[in-house]
C-alpha atoms as a PDB file:
ATOM      1  CA  MET A   1       0.000   0.000   0.000  1.00  0.00           C
ATOM      2  CA  ASP A   2       1.271   3.468  -0.843  1.00  0.00           C
ATOM      3  CA  THR A   3       1.884   5.388   2.412  1.00  0.00           C
ATOM      4  CA  LYS A   4       1.589   8.694   0.549  1.00  0.00           C
ATOM      5  CA  ALA A   5      -2.041   7.844  -0.059  1.00  0.00           C
ATOM      6  CA  ILE A   6      -2.605   7.364   3.677  1.00  0.00           C
ATOM      7  CA  PHE A   7      -0.499  10.245   4.994  1.00  0.00           C
ATOM      8  CA  LYS A   8      -0.712  13.623   3.364  1.00  0.00           C
ATOM      9  CA  THR A   9       2.679  15.144   2.820  1.00  0.00           C
ATOM     10  CA  GLU A  10       1.598  18.631   3.881  1.00  0.00           C
ATOM     11  CA  ASN A  11       3.226  20.445   6.765  1.00  0.00           C
ATOM     12  CA  TYR A  12       1.266  20.421  10.003  1.00  0.00           C
ATOM     13  CA  GLU A  13       1.636  22.651  13.015  1.00  0.00           C
ATOM     14  CA  PHE A  14       1.901  20.982  16.385  1.00  0.00           C
ATOM     15  CA  ILE A  15       1.668  22.615  19.746  1.00  0.00           C
ATOM     16  CA  SER A  16       4.210  21.627  22.337  1.00  0.00           C
ATOM     17  CA  LEU A  17       4.324  22.551  25.955  1.00  0.00           C
ATOM     18  CA  LYS A  18       7.544  22.830  27.899  1.00  0.00           C
ATOM     19  CA  LEU A  19       7.757  23.539  31.587  1.00  0.00           C
ATOM     20  CA  LEU A  20      10.576  25.766  32.727  1.00  0.00           C
ATOM     21  CA  ARG A  21      11.513  26.078  36.362  1.00  0.00           C
ATOM     22  CA  LYS A  22      12.163  29.706  37.227  1.00  0.00           C
ATOM     23  CA  LYS A  23      13.418  30.882  40.558  1.00  0.00           C
ATOM     24  CA  ARG A  24      11.099  33.497  41.981  1.00  0.00           C
ATOM     25  CA  LYS A  25      11.220  35.436  45.153  1.00  0.00           C
ATOM     26  CA  TRP A  26       7.839  35.026  46.825  1.00  0.00           C
ATOM     27  CA  PRO A  27       6.621  37.364  49.552  1.00  0.00           C
ATOM     28  CA  PHE A  28       6.699  34.378  51.912  1.00  0.00           C
ATOM     29  CA  GLU A  29       9.716  32.146  51.751  1.00  0.00           C
ATOM     30  CA  GLU A  30       8.543  29.900  54.546  1.00  0.00           C
ATOM     31  CA  GLN A  31       6.192  27.018  54.013  1.00  0.00           C
ATOM     32  CA  ILE A  32       2.554  27.861  53.544  1.00  0.00           C
ATOM     33  CA  ALA A  33       1.647  25.373  56.218  1.00  0.00           C
ATOM     34  CA  SER A  34      -0.857  27.465  58.138  1.00  0.00           C
ATOM     35  CA  LYS A  35      -4.105  29.247  57.371  1.00  0.00           C
ATOM     36  CA  GLU A  36      -2.573  32.410  58.788  1.00  0.00           C
ATOM     37  CA  ALA A  37       0.305  32.415  56.288  1.00  0.00           C
ATOM     38  CA  ALA A  38      -2.081  31.688  53.409  1.00  0.00           C
ATOM     39  CA  GLY A  39      -4.529  34.330  54.599  1.00  0.00           C
ATOM     40  CA  LYS A  40      -1.838  37.011  54.793  1.00  0.00           C
ATOM     41  CA  LEU A  41      -0.488  36.053  51.387  1.00  0.00           C
ATOM     42  CA  PHE A  42      -3.875  36.304  49.681  1.00  0.00           C
ATOM     43  CA  GLN A  43      -4.754  39.507  51.546  1.00  0.00           C
ATOM     44  CA  MET A  44      -1.608  41.057  50.142  1.00  0.00           C
ATOM     45  CA  LEU A  45      -2.166  39.704  46.609  1.00  0.00           C
ATOM     46  CA  ILE A  46      -5.905  40.249  46.050  1.00  0.00           C
ATOM     47  CA  GLY A  47      -7.370  41.820  49.200  1.00  0.00           C
ATOM     48  CA  GLU A  48      -7.617  45.306  47.735  1.00  0.00           C
ATOM     49  CA  GLU A  49      -8.871  44.365  44.272  1.00  0.00           C
ATOM     50  CA  ASP A  50     -11.990  46.266  43.187  1.00  0.00           C
ATOM     51  CA  ARG A  51     -13.587  43.207  41.536  1.00  0.00           C
ATOM     52  CA  GLU A  52     -13.929  39.640  42.725  1.00  0.00           C
ATOM     53  CA  THR A  53     -10.655  37.937  41.911  1.00  0.00           C
ATOM     54  CA  LEU A  54     -10.057  34.214  42.297  1.00  0.00           C
ATOM     55  CA  SER A  55      -6.444  33.219  42.911  1.00  0.00           C
ATOM     56  CA  ILE A  56      -4.699  29.915  43.344  1.00  0.00           C
ATOM     57  CA  VAL A  57      -1.544  28.905  45.130  1.00  0.00           C
ATOM     58  CA  GLY A  58      -0.189  25.487  44.242  1.00  0.00           C
ATOM     59  CA  LEU A  59       2.060  23.827  46.788  1.00  0.00           C
ATOM     60  CA  ASP A  60       4.689  21.142  46.453  1.00  0.00           C
ATOM     61  CA  VAL A  61       4.835  18.149  48.819  1.00  0.00           C
ATOM     62  CA  ASN A  62       6.693  20.264  51.407  1.00  0.00           C
ATOM     63  CA  LYS A  63       4.067  23.041  51.248  1.00  0.00           C
ATOM     64  CA  TYR A  64       6.280  25.541  49.444  1.00  0.00           C
ATOM     65  CA  ILE A  65       4.649  27.611  46.716  1.00  0.00           C
ATOM     66  CA  ASN A  66       5.335  26.242  43.249  1.00  0.00           C
ATOM     67  CA  ASN A  67       2.798  28.365  41.385  1.00  0.00           C
ATOM     68  CA  TYR A  68       0.526  31.332  41.778  1.00  0.00           C
ATOM     69  CA  ALA A  69      -2.164  32.306  39.319  1.00  0.00           C
ATOM     70  CA  VAL A  70      -5.204  34.501  38.995  1.00  0.00           C
ATOM     71  CA  ALA A  71      -7.802  32.121  37.591  1.00  0.00           C
ATOM     72  CA  HIS A  72     -10.605  34.616  37.117  1.00  0.00           C
ATOM     73  CA  VAL A  73     -11.510  38.255  37.545  1.00  0.00           C
ATOM     74  CA  GLY A  74     -15.225  38.821  37.873  1.00  0.00           C
ATOM     75  CA  THR A  75     -17.507  41.710  38.650  1.00  0.00           C
ATOM     76  CA  LEU A  76     -18.026  43.733  41.790  1.00  0.00           C
ATOM     77  CA  SER A  77     -20.122  40.986  43.363  1.00  0.00           C
ATOM     78  CA  LYS A  78     -19.412  37.672  41.622  1.00  0.00           C
ATOM     79  CA  SER A  79     -16.897  35.570  39.790  1.00  0.00           C
ATOM     80  CA  ILE A  80     -17.445  32.581  37.541  1.00  0.00           C
ATOM     81  CA  ILE A  81     -15.396  29.672  38.802  1.00  0.00           C
ATOM     82  CA  HIS A  82     -14.837  26.423  36.928  1.00  0.00           C
ATOM     83  CA  PRO A  83     -12.660  23.499  38.070  1.00  0.00           C
ATOM     84  CA  ARG A  84     -10.672  23.366  34.820  1.00  0.00           C
ATOM     85  CA  GLU A  85      -9.524  26.949  35.347  1.00  0.00           C
ATOM     86  CA  ILE A  86      -8.578  26.223  38.932  1.00  0.00           C
ATOM     87  CA  PHE A  87      -6.635  23.013  38.280  1.00  0.00           C
ATOM     88  CA  LYS A  88      -4.872  24.097  35.081  1.00  0.00           C
ATOM     89  CA  TYR A  89      -1.946  25.726  36.887  1.00  0.00           C
ATOM     90  CA  PRO A  90      -1.473  23.174  39.678  1.00  0.00           C
ATOM     91  CA  ILE A  91      -1.470  20.338  37.126  1.00  0.00           C
ATOM     92  CA  LEU A  92       1.087  22.051  34.901  1.00  0.00           C
ATOM     93  CA  SER A  93       3.392  22.771  37.834  1.00  0.00           C
ATOM     94  CA  ASN A  94       3.052  19.349  39.484  1.00  0.00           C
ATOM     95  CA  SER A  95       1.410  20.661  42.630  1.00  0.00           C
ATOM     96  CA  ASP A  96       0.600  18.264  45.442  1.00  0.00           C
ATOM     97  CA  SER A  97      -2.080  20.508  46.943  1.00  0.00           C
ATOM     98  CA  LEU A  98      -3.605  23.931  46.486  1.00  0.00           C
ATOM     99  CA  ILE A  99      -5.307  26.745  48.288  1.00  0.00           C
ATOM    100  CA  ILE A 100      -7.808  28.934  46.513  1.00  0.00           C
ATOM    101  CA  ALA A 101      -8.965  32.354  47.590  1.00  0.00           C
ATOM    102  CA  HIS A 102     -11.186  35.078  46.356  1.00  0.00           C
ATOM    103  CA  ASN A 103     -11.870  38.521  47.637  1.00  0.00           C
ATOM    104  CA  HIS A 104     -15.134  40.202  48.500  1.00  0.00           C
ATOM    105  CA  PRO A 105     -14.764  43.859  47.456  1.00  0.00           C
ATOM    106  CA  SER A 106     -17.692  44.736  49.733  1.00  0.00           C
ATOM    107  CA  GLY A 107     -15.497  43.796  52.688  1.00  0.00           C
ATOM    108  CA  CYS A 108     -18.047  41.287  54.060  1.00  0.00           C
ATOM    109  CA  LEU A 109     -16.390  37.896  54.418  1.00  0.00           C
ATOM    110  CA  LYS A 110     -19.556  35.813  54.810  1.00  0.00           C
ATOM    111  CA  PRO A 111     -19.484  32.900  52.328  1.00  0.00           C
ATOM    112  CA  SER A 112     -22.316  32.780  49.805  1.00  0.00           C
ATOM    113  CA  GLU A 113     -24.134  29.595  48.802  1.00  0.00           C
ATOM    114  CA  GLN A 114     -22.109  29.699  45.566  1.00  0.00           C
ATOM    115  CA  ASP A 115     -18.886  29.814  47.619  1.00  0.00           C
ATOM    116  CA  ILE A 116     -19.960  26.663  49.488  1.00  0.00           C
ATOM    117  CA  THR A 117     -21.052  24.885  46.298  1.00  0.00           C
ATOM    118  CA  ILE A 118     -17.834  25.618  44.411  1.00  0.00           C
ATOM    119  CA  THR A 119     -15.782  24.485  47.397  1.00  0.00           C
ATOM    120  CA  LYS A 120     -17.563  21.096  47.313  1.00  0.00           C
ATOM    121  CA  THR A 121     -16.948  20.837  43.571  1.00  0.00           C
ATOM    122  CA  ILE A 122     -13.247  21.695  43.843  1.00  0.00           C
ATOM    123  CA  VAL A 123     -12.752  19.189  46.684  1.00  0.00           C
ATOM    124  CA  LYS A 124     -14.304  16.429  44.542  1.00  0.00           C
ATOM    125  CA  ALA A 125     -12.305  17.392  41.447  1.00  0.00           C
ATOM    126  CA  GLY A 126      -9.137  17.456  43.526  1.00  0.00           C
ATOM    127  CA  GLU A 127      -9.823  13.962  44.832  1.00  0.00           C
ATOM    128  CA  ILE A 128     -10.090  12.688  41.258  1.00  0.00           C
ATOM    129  CA  LEU A 129      -6.918  14.491  40.175  1.00  0.00           C
ATOM    130  CA  GLY A 130      -4.910  13.711  43.296  1.00  0.00           C
ATOM    131  CA  ILE A 131      -4.452  17.390  44.185  1.00  0.00           C
ATOM    132  CA  GLU A 132      -5.894  18.172  47.594  1.00  0.00           C
ATOM    133  CA  LEU A 133      -7.755  21.418  48.199  1.00  0.00           C
ATOM    134  CA  LEU A 134      -6.385  22.508  51.572  1.00  0.00           C
ATOM    135  CA  ASP A 135      -8.660  25.512  51.981  1.00  0.00           C
ATOM    136  CA  HIS A 136     -10.818  28.091  50.258  1.00  0.00           C
ATOM    137  CA  LEU A 137     -10.283  31.532  51.730  1.00  0.00           C
ATOM    138  CA  ILE A 138     -12.306  34.701  51.401  1.00  0.00           C
ATOM    139  CA  VAL A 139     -10.251  37.850  51.928  1.00  0.00           C
ATOM    140  CA  ASN A 140     -10.425  41.593  52.042  1.00  0.00           C
ATOM    141  CA  ASP A 141      -7.611  44.009  52.773  1.00  0.00           C
ATOM    142  CA  LYS A 142      -7.861  43.616  56.566  1.00  0.00           C
ATOM    143  CA  GLU A 143      -8.851  40.024  57.294  1.00  0.00           C
ATOM    144  CA  TYR A 144      -9.624  36.607  55.883  1.00  0.00           C
ATOM    145  CA  LEU A 145     -12.075  33.786  56.475  1.00  0.00           C
ATOM    146  CA  SER A 146     -11.332  30.083  56.109  1.00  0.00           C
ATOM    147  CA  ILE A 147     -14.203  28.088  54.639  1.00  0.00           C
ATOM    148  CA  ARG A 148     -12.489  24.967  55.975  1.00  0.00           C
ATOM    149  CA  ASN A 149     -12.716  26.345  59.527  1.00  0.00           C
ATOM    150  CA  MET A 150     -16.423  27.027  59.098  1.00  0.00           C
ATOM    151  CA  TYR A 151     -17.383  23.936  57.095  1.00  0.00           C
ATOM    152  CA  GLU A 152     -14.825  21.186  57.763  1.00  0.00           C
ATOM    153  CA  GLU A 153     -17.348  18.598  56.561  1.00  0.00           C
ATOM    154  CA  LEU A 154     -17.035  19.908  52.984  1.00  0.00           C
ATOM    155  CA  PHE A 155     -13.434  18.751  52.921  1.00  0.00           C
ATOM    156  CA  ASN A 156     -14.125  15.292  54.351  1.00  0.00           C
ATOM    157  CA  GLU A 157     -17.134  14.131  52.318  1.00  0.00           C
ATOM    158  CA  GLU A 158     -16.906  10.834  50.499  1.00  0.00           C
END
């Protein structure tokens, strides 16, 4: 059989992805092993944003930051969150776990029903992918709230 008949001899473009390890100086050089360290980090990064901003910190097995990304910038009062946008960066950087956070520009840290629902979804997606969601924080410029502290059962459901 003539292989030229099976395979066209045209040129095709392929996309390749290459990971490069870059040394970065993070605001916190210690492990992000506590809610306090994570809360302060996210307060500094997104606490003063004027629109809801969802950020992700991916952590290696020793709880050092190996990636940071803004996954979505929404409106004054809401942000659309989808698991594929949240896990894209941790997957590409070989994260063992992650912490997500979003700000409430109003300053009120009370979690909405959507905040609770998306936390459940991200926990389940993380279980499938093998990347544990350690916490979902809500921040403003002065304080933070840990959804895990309020709703531990969301992180332990089967």
